[in-house]
């Protein structure tokens, strides 16, 4: 079964987008550039198959062109293997018309695979004991960077963001370049869909109340404001496994802080539906002039983030409000 490329792309917001009968042209999701030079074929043409994309302004050849799996993995904030599983489950097919990974078997989260899982060697982080101003310029404090064991890969110009399991062992490592929006994960790491960023701190400090956000940077922003926080890893990454991880943790109350877009609202709704009755739930507002908690901090300071958190409203009182 063919992937509905246009339907998949429409799940995300595109800046300065133009949709034609066979392609999307928009600002590149990989670069800090507002020129709409990025393109994706949404239907087969004489030049390319649906899902093929190109970014003429890319400086890194690795991100100059590719297929639908690579693009969706970036947009969904997950590995290509996880994206393949998503597509196969959704379209009920063992093959895709994408990249070069159709031979991979779907990865199912079962007790058997969980038993086979082995944490990454934490010694990997020793080679990245450097600091770059990237996160500091985004309102992330030095104490929080030390707490979360942030590093810097000088060879690949990428901030190193470790993800830890509840017991403190190293589950995954995310690398994010400081000059573009490109990121990737350490091979052999635990799938992000099985993890919550910051859950190790929850267990280590027996935290009962935390904020829940989408991205790691938003979680670290809240931490920098003195607010304990965890992150799901993106708007599409919430699932029953993360719900159960929270249910098993010391957490008793969660303040949900969503991104200011349609995907963030959908994420918030799924979180509320799954966690209602599991823990106490509140929602905090990010003003419409900021897209997320981190941008709010950059625009108005950490005090604005703290104020929004303190003014969170119980979900029982917001049924008629557009939070």
Foldseek 3Di string as FASTA:
>chain_A
DADQLVVLVVLDDFAPWDDDPFKIFGPDQWAPDGDRHKMATRDDDPVGHHFKIADVPDPDPVRGIFGNLVVSCLVFQWASLQSLLVRCVVVVDLAYPGGPPSVDDRDDDDPVVVVVADFDDPCVLVVFAADDCLLVLLQQDPVLCVVQSWGADPVQQWIWGFAADLCGTTAWIKTAHSRIRDIDIDPSGHILLLGKGQNNVCNVVVDAEAEEEADPSLQSLLVSLVGHYIHSRHLPSDDVNVLVSCLPGSYAEYEYWFFPDPSRVVSVVVCCVSCPVSHWYWYFYDDPVAGGNSRCCSVPNSVVVVVRRVPTGGPVPDPPPDD
